Amino acid sequence: MATMVFGAALLASLLLAGSAMAEEDKSVQLQLTQSRGSGVTGTATLTDVEDGVKVELNMKGLPEEGVEHINHIHGGGTCADDRAGRTAPVTIPLNTVVANADGSGSATTTLKDVTLDKLLGDDQHRFILLHAKVKKGQGVPPGISCADLPQLSTDTSMENLPASGGVPVAVLLTVPSVLLIVSISAVLKLMRFTG
């Protein structure tokens, strides 16, 4: 009986640890698509981390080596709005992407004091926009690559987004734990009948 109680306690603690680990690793990957015929595409990976949300941009097709491309999260609109000339205000600046010789470029920014659920569930359309080269006297250049952030509480959803991280940790921990408890119970019953 003591073994069964220990097994149940072990299972409960593994489930709690597994769900906590799954929450820490919560991540969404978005595809940035070209705007204005730029040919620039990439991915944005947003991950919950201890002190906020880490945003990792990995771009390809950047036209000129060494050029710094400013980028932001804009609030109150979509990529379609921006491409139609109605861009939304910048709400969160991101670190600059610098073009490499092969047309790639990346940048990582950690947004402090926010969670992925908050960023994706505010009933506000948001998008990540990578801008063209800044030209002297021009102001903010047009967007050349864009990705809409799905909003959990509006028409957009995360259902069509690729899963990240594979099988959830809770599932990986639960199956062996249940098998362990069943095995221990079977051995105890067998010992009771033979002893």
C-alpha atoms as a PDB file:
ATOM      1  CA  MET A   1       0.000   0.000   0.000  1.00  0.00           C
ATOM      2  CA  ALA A   2       2.851   2.359   0.861  1.00  0.00           C
ATOM      3  CA  THR A   3       4.380   1.750  -2.570  1.00  0.00           C
ATOM      4  CA  MET A   4       1.113   2.660  -4.298  1.00  0.00           C
ATOM      5  CA  VAL A   5       0.857   5.908  -2.298  1.00  0.00           C
ATOM      6  CA  PHE A   6       4.495   6.713  -3.132  1.00  0.00           C
ATOM      7  CA  GLY A   7       3.823   5.955  -6.812  1.00  0.00           C
ATOM      8  CA  ALA A   8       0.774   8.233  -6.871  1.00  0.00           C
ATOM      9  CA  ALA A   9       2.753  11.037  -5.197  1.00  0.00           C
ATOM     10  CA  LEU A  10       5.578  10.557  -7.695  1.00  0.00           C
ATOM     11  CA  LEU A  11       3.139  10.725 -10.608  1.00  0.00           C
ATOM     12  CA  ALA A  12       1.528  13.919  -9.276  1.00  0.00           C
ATOM     13  CA  SER A  13       4.898  15.636  -8.821  1.00  0.00           C
ATOM     14  CA  LEU A  14       6.043  14.595 -12.318  1.00  0.00           C
ATOM     15  CA  LEU A  15       2.840  15.925 -13.855  1.00  0.00           C
ATOM     16  CA  LEU A  16       3.220  19.269 -12.077  1.00  0.00           C
ATOM     17  CA  ALA A  17       6.878  19.543 -13.084  1.00  0.00           C
ATOM     18  CA  GLY A  18       6.021  18.567 -16.648  1.00  0.00           C
ATOM     19  CA  SER A  19       3.298  21.176 -17.007  1.00  0.00           C
ATOM     20  CA  ALA A  20       5.556  23.858 -15.508  1.00  0.00           C
ATOM     21  CA  MET A  21       8.320  22.930 -17.959  1.00  0.00           C
ATOM     22  CA  ALA A  22       5.861  22.958 -20.859  1.00  0.00           C
ATOM     23  CA  GLU A  23       4.737  26.483 -19.932  1.00  0.00           C
ATOM     24  CA  GLU A  24       8.328  27.751 -19.722  1.00  0.00           C
ATOM     25  CA  ASP A  25       9.029  26.433 -23.205  1.00  0.00           C
ATOM     26  CA  LYS A  26       5.871  27.859 -24.815  1.00  0.00           C
ATOM     27  CA  SER A  27       6.853  29.040 -28.276  1.00  0.00           C
ATOM     28  CA  VAL A  28       5.301  30.201 -31.549  1.00  0.00           C
ATOM     29  CA  GLN A  29       7.044  30.404 -34.919  1.00  0.00           C
ATOM     30  CA  LEU A  30       5.713  32.807 -37.549  1.00  0.00           C
ATOM     31  CA  GLN A  31       6.633  33.119 -41.226  1.00  0.00           C
ATOM     32  CA  LEU A  32       7.573  36.582 -42.453  1.00  0.00           C
ATOM     33  CA  THR A  33       6.587  37.000 -46.095  1.00  0.00           C
ATOM     34  CA  GLN A  34       7.791  39.551 -48.609  1.00  0.00           C
ATOM     35  CA  SER A  35       6.196  42.957 -48.933  1.00  0.00           C
ATOM     36  CA  ARG A  36       6.428  45.310 -51.893  1.00  0.00           C
ATOM     37  CA  GLY A  37       8.150  42.696 -54.100  1.00  0.00           C
ATOM     38  CA  SER A  38      11.277  42.660 -51.914  1.00  0.00           C
ATOM     39  CA  GLY A  39      11.925  38.914 -51.971  1.00  0.00           C
ATOM     40  CA  VAL A  40      12.810  39.100 -48.241  1.00  0.00           C
ATOM     41  CA  THR A  41      11.381  36.307 -46.098  1.00  0.00           C
ATOM     42  CA  GLY A  42      12.162  34.761 -42.744  1.00  0.00           C
ATOM     43  CA  THR A  43      10.918  33.439 -39.437  1.00  0.00           C
ATOM     44  CA  ALA A  44      10.089  35.021 -36.115  1.00  0.00           C
ATOM     45  CA  THR A  45      10.187  32.716 -33.092  1.00  0.00           C
ATOM     46  CA  LEU A  46       8.486  34.070 -29.974  1.00  0.00           C
ATOM     47  CA  THR A  47       9.258  32.139 -26.781  1.00  0.00           C
ATOM     48  CA  ASP A  48       8.183  32.651 -23.179  1.00  0.00           C
ATOM     49  CA  VAL A  49      11.308  33.034 -21.038  1.00  0.00           C
ATOM     50  CA  GLU A  50      11.761  33.763 -17.345  1.00  0.00           C
ATOM     51  CA  ASP A  51      11.736  37.564 -17.638  1.00  0.00           C
ATOM     52  CA  GLY A  52       9.535  38.097 -20.706  1.00  0.00           C
ATOM     53  CA  VAL A  53       9.242  36.983 -24.322  1.00  0.00           C
ATOM     54  CA  LYS A  54      12.268  36.301 -26.515  1.00  0.00           C
ATOM     55  CA  VAL A  55      11.775  37.314 -30.172  1.00  0.00           C
ATOM     56  CA  GLU A  56      14.247  35.742 -32.610  1.00  0.00           C
ATOM     57  CA  LEU A  57      14.233  36.957 -36.218  1.00  0.00           C
ATOM     58  CA  ASN A  58      16.030  34.974 -38.921  1.00  0.00           C
ATOM     59  CA  MET A  59      15.817  36.607 -42.324  1.00  0.00           C
ATOM     60  CA  LYS A  60      16.926  35.673 -45.841  1.00  0.00           C
ATOM     61  CA  GLY A  61      16.947  37.459 -49.172  1.00  0.00           C
ATOM     62  CA  LEU A  62      18.256  40.753 -47.764  1.00  0.00           C
ATOM     63  CA  PRO A  63      19.515  42.716 -50.785  1.00  0.00           C
ATOM     64  CA  GLU A  64      22.684  44.439 -49.579  1.00  0.00           C
ATOM     65  CA  GLU A  65      25.428  43.328 -47.184  1.00  0.00           C
ATOM     66  CA  GLY A  66      25.974  45.496 -44.105  1.00  0.00           C
ATOM     67  CA  VAL A  67      22.633  47.301 -44.313  1.00  0.00           C
ATOM     68  CA  GLU A  68      20.851  47.705 -40.982  1.00  0.00           C
ATOM     69  CA  HIS A  69      17.148  46.910 -41.107  1.00  0.00           C
ATOM     70  CA  ILE A  70      15.042  48.344 -38.315  1.00  0.00           C
ATOM     71  CA  ASN A  71      12.065  46.258 -37.294  1.00  0.00           C
ATOM     72  CA  HIS A  72       9.210  46.542 -34.851  1.00  0.00           C
ATOM     73  CA  ILE A  73       6.001  45.045 -33.590  1.00  0.00           C
ATOM     74  CA  HIS A  74       3.211  47.322 -34.766  1.00  0.00           C
ATOM     75  CA  GLY A  75      -0.137  47.447 -32.965  1.00  0.00           C
ATOM     76  CA  GLY A  76      -3.622  48.073 -34.312  1.00  0.00           C
ATOM     77  CA  GLY A  77      -3.303  46.633 -37.802  1.00  0.00           C
ATOM     78  CA  THR A  78      -2.207  43.759 -40.012  1.00  0.00           C
ATOM     79  CA  CYS A  79       0.333  43.047 -42.733  1.00  0.00           C
ATOM     80  CA  ALA A  80      -2.442  43.530 -45.306  1.00  0.00           C
ATOM     81  CA  ASP A  81      -3.074  47.022 -43.907  1.00  0.00           C
ATOM     82  CA  ASP A  82       0.631  47.884 -44.120  1.00  0.00           C
ATOM     83  CA  ARG A  83       0.899  46.567 -47.675  1.00  0.00           C
ATOM     84  CA  ALA A  84      -2.077  48.743 -48.614  1.00  0.00           C
ATOM     85  CA  GLY A  85      -0.267  51.823 -47.270  1.00  0.00           C
ATOM     86  CA  ARG A  86      -2.122  52.004 -43.936  1.00  0.00           C
ATOM     87  CA  THR A  87       0.577  51.029 -41.452  1.00  0.00           C
ATOM     88  CA  ALA A  88      -0.155  50.899 -37.730  1.00  0.00           C
ATOM     89  CA  PRO A  89       1.869  52.642 -35.020  1.00  0.00           C
ATOM     90  CA  VAL A  90       5.021  51.053 -33.624  1.00  0.00           C
ATOM     91  CA  THR A  91       4.285  49.605 -30.200  1.00  0.00           C
ATOM     92  CA  ILE A  92       7.420  47.532 -29.499  1.00  0.00           C
ATOM     93  CA  PRO A  93      10.849  48.185 -31.061  1.00  0.00           C
ATOM     94  CA  LEU A  94      13.022  45.142 -31.820  1.00  0.00           C
ATOM     95  CA  ASN A  95      16.782  44.902 -32.276  1.00  0.00           C
ATOM     96  CA  THR A  96      18.151  45.768 -35.717  1.00  0.00           C
ATOM     97  CA  VAL A  97      18.855  43.039 -38.288  1.00  0.00           C
ATOM     98  CA  VAL A  98      22.144  43.511 -40.178  1.00  0.00           C
ATOM     99  CA  ALA A  99      22.427  41.895 -43.623  1.00  0.00           C
ATOM    100  CA  ASN A 100      25.222  39.365 -44.163  1.00  0.00           C
ATOM    101  CA  ALA A 101      26.991  38.727 -47.497  1.00  0.00           C
ATOM    102  CA  ASP A 102      24.706  35.735 -48.209  1.00  0.00           C
ATOM    103  CA  GLY A 103      21.533  37.817 -47.696  1.00  0.00           C
ATOM    104  CA  SER A 104      20.799  36.387 -44.267  1.00  0.00           C
ATOM    105  CA  GLY A 105      20.459  38.356 -41.065  1.00  0.00           C
ATOM    106  CA  SER A 106      19.216  37.774 -37.548  1.00  0.00           C
ATOM    107  CA  ALA A 107      18.471  39.575 -34.303  1.00  0.00           C
ATOM    108  CA  THR A 108      17.207  38.561 -30.877  1.00  0.00           C
ATOM    109  CA  THR A 109      15.249  40.826 -28.538  1.00  0.00           C
ATOM    110  CA  THR A 110      13.829  40.007 -25.108  1.00  0.00           C
ATOM    111  CA  LEU A 111      10.628  41.901 -24.341  1.00  0.00           C
ATOM    112  CA  LYS A 112      10.560  42.494 -20.590  1.00  0.00           C
ATOM    113  CA  ASP A 113       7.537  42.046 -18.325  1.00  0.00           C
ATOM    114  CA  VAL A 114       5.219  40.453 -20.892  1.00  0.00           C
ATOM    115  CA  THR A 115       4.086  36.895 -21.608  1.00  0.00           C
ATOM    116  CA  LEU A 116       3.311  35.202 -24.899  1.00  0.00           C
ATOM    117  CA  ASP A 117      -0.321  34.793 -23.813  1.00  0.00           C
ATOM    118  CA  LYS A 118      -0.549  38.550 -23.140  1.00  0.00           C
ATOM    119  CA  LEU A 119       1.121  39.440 -26.444  1.00  0.00           C
ATOM    120  CA  LEU A 120      -1.219  37.150 -28.402  1.00  0.00           C
ATOM    121  CA  GLY A 121      -4.404  37.714 -26.407  1.00  0.00           C
ATOM    122  CA  ASP A 122      -4.976  41.449 -26.088  1.00  0.00           C
ATOM    123  CA  ASP A 123      -7.756  41.777 -28.700  1.00  0.00           C
ATOM    124  CA  GLN A 124      -5.387  43.938 -30.699  1.00  0.00           C
ATOM    125  CA  HIS A 125      -4.055  42.980 -34.105  1.00  0.00           C
ATOM    126  CA  ARG A 126      -0.274  43.129 -34.189  1.00  0.00           C
ATOM    127  CA  PHE A 127       2.380  42.419 -36.792  1.00  0.00           C
ATOM    128  CA  ILE A 128       6.160  42.229 -37.021  1.00  0.00           C
ATOM    129  CA  LEU A 129       7.539  44.447 -39.772  1.00  0.00           C
ATOM    130  CA  LEU A 130      11.105  44.479 -41.139  1.00  0.00           C
ATOM    131  CA  HIS A 131      11.878  47.760 -42.899  1.00  0.00           C
ATOM    132  CA  ALA A 132      13.939  48.625 -45.979  1.00  0.00           C
ATOM    133  CA  LYS A 133      17.245  50.489 -45.771  1.00  0.00           C
ATOM    134  CA  VAL A 134      16.990  53.837 -43.995  1.00  0.00           C
ATOM    135  CA  LYS A 135      17.779  56.662 -46.416  1.00  0.00           C
ATOM    136  CA  LYS A 136      18.942  60.019 -45.164  1.00  0.00           C
ATOM    137  CA  GLY A 137      16.034  62.425 -44.718  1.00  0.00           C
ATOM    138  CA  GLN A 138      13.419  59.773 -45.574  1.00  0.00           C
ATOM    139  CA  GLY A 139      12.040  58.952 -42.121  1.00  0.00           C
ATOM    140  CA  VAL A 140      10.871  55.404 -41.469  1.00  0.00           C
ATOM    141  CA  PRO A 141      11.310  53.341 -44.653  1.00  0.00           C
ATOM    142  CA  PRO A 142       8.571  51.033 -45.965  1.00  0.00           C
ATOM    143  CA  GLY A 143       8.211  47.453 -44.771  1.00  0.00           C
ATOM    144  CA  ILE A 144       9.854  44.720 -46.839  1.00  0.00           C
ATOM    145  CA  SER A 145       8.813  41.621 -44.849  1.00  0.00           C
ATOM    146  CA  CYS A 146       5.910  41.060 -42.490  1.00  0.00           C
ATOM    147  CA  ALA A 147       4.169  38.522 -40.218  1.00  0.00           C
ATOM    148  CA  ASP A 148       0.843  38.885 -38.429  1.00  0.00           C
ATOM    149  CA  LEU A 149       0.770  37.848 -34.764  1.00  0.00           C
ATOM    150  CA  PRO A 150      -2.204  35.533 -34.214  1.00  0.00           C
ATOM    151  CA  GLN A 151      -4.657  36.791 -31.628  1.00  0.00           C
ATOM    152  CA  LEU A 152      -6.165  34.082 -29.459  1.00  0.00           C
ATOM    153  CA  SER A 153      -9.248  36.128 -28.607  1.00  0.00           C
ATOM    154  CA  THR A 154     -10.114  37.285 -32.143  1.00  0.00           C
ATOM    155  CA  ASP A 155     -10.720  35.591 -35.489  1.00  0.00           C
ATOM    156  CA  THR A 156      -7.048  34.697 -35.880  1.00  0.00           C
ATOM    157  CA  SER A 157      -5.873  31.564 -34.128  1.00  0.00           C
ATOM    158  CA  MET A 158      -2.749  29.562 -33.549  1.00  0.00           C
ATOM    159  CA  GLU A 159      -4.325  26.351 -34.903  1.00  0.00           C
ATOM    160  CA  ASN A 160      -2.646  26.726 -38.284  1.00  0.00           C
ATOM    161  CA  LEU A 161       0.780  27.484 -36.821  1.00  0.00           C
ATOM    162  CA  PRO A 162       3.438  24.786 -36.802  1.00  0.00           C
ATOM    163  CA  ALA A 163       3.898  23.108 -33.449  1.00  0.00           C
ATOM    164  CA  SER A 164       7.217  23.812 -31.824  1.00  0.00           C
ATOM    165  CA  GLY A 165       9.098  21.650 -29.383  1.00  0.00           C
ATOM    166  CA  GLY A 166       7.664  18.247 -30.396  1.00  0.00           C
ATOM    167  CA  VAL A 167       5.705  16.129 -27.903  1.00  0.00           C
ATOM    168  CA  PRO A 168       4.789  18.064 -24.729  1.00  0.00           C
ATOM    169  CA  VAL A 169       6.979  17.303 -21.723  1.00  0.00           C
ATOM    170  CA  ALA A 170       3.933  16.385 -19.604  1.00  0.00           C
ATOM    171  CA  VAL A 171       3.062  13.564 -22.021  1.00  0.00           C
ATOM    172  CA  LEU A 172       6.638  12.318 -22.079  1.00  0.00           C
ATOM    173  CA  LEU A 173       6.716  12.157 -18.275  1.00  0.00           C
ATOM    174  CA  THR A 174       3.199  10.812 -17.741  1.00  0.00           C
ATOM    175  CA  VAL A 175       3.398   7.642 -19.836  1.00  0.00           C
ATOM    176  CA  PRO A 176       6.455   6.122 -18.072  1.00  0.00           C
ATOM    177  CA  SER A 177       5.055   7.141 -14.673  1.00  0.00           C
ATOM    178  CA  VAL A 178       1.749   5.394 -15.295  1.00  0.00           C
ATOM    179  CA  LEU A 179       3.578   2.293 -16.531  1.00  0.00           C
ATOM    180  CA  LEU A 180       5.730   2.323 -13.390  1.00  0.00           C
ATOM    181  CA  ILE A 181       2.710   2.528 -11.090  1.00  0.00           C
ATOM    182  CA  VAL A 182       0.864  -0.241 -12.944  1.00  0.00           C
ATOM    183  CA  SER A 183       3.961  -2.462 -12.796  1.00  0.00           C
ATOM    184  CA  ILE A 184       4.444  -1.872  -9.074  1.00  0.00           C
ATOM    185  CA  SER A 185       0.771  -2.614  -8.397  1.00  0.00           C
ATOM    186  CA  ALA A 186       0.976  -5.843 -10.406  1.00  0.00           C
ATOM    187  CA  VAL A 187       4.089  -6.984  -8.520  1.00  0.00           C
ATOM    188  CA  LEU A 188       2.457  -6.231  -5.151  1.00  0.00           C
ATOM    189  CA  LYS A 189      -0.678  -8.210  -6.085  1.00  0.00           C
ATOM    190  CA  LEU A 190       1.471 -11.121  -7.290  1.00  0.00           C
ATOM    191  CA  MET A 191       3.460 -11.067  -4.039  1.00  0.00           C
ATOM    192  CA  ARG A 192       0.250 -11.032  -1.993  1.00  0.00           C
ATOM    193  CA  PHE A 193      -1.110 -14.118  -3.825  1.00  0.00           C
ATOM    194  CA  THR A 194       2.155 -16.090  -3.686  1.00  0.00           C
ATOM    195  CA  GLY A 195       3.152 -15.146  -0.126  1.00  0.00           C
END
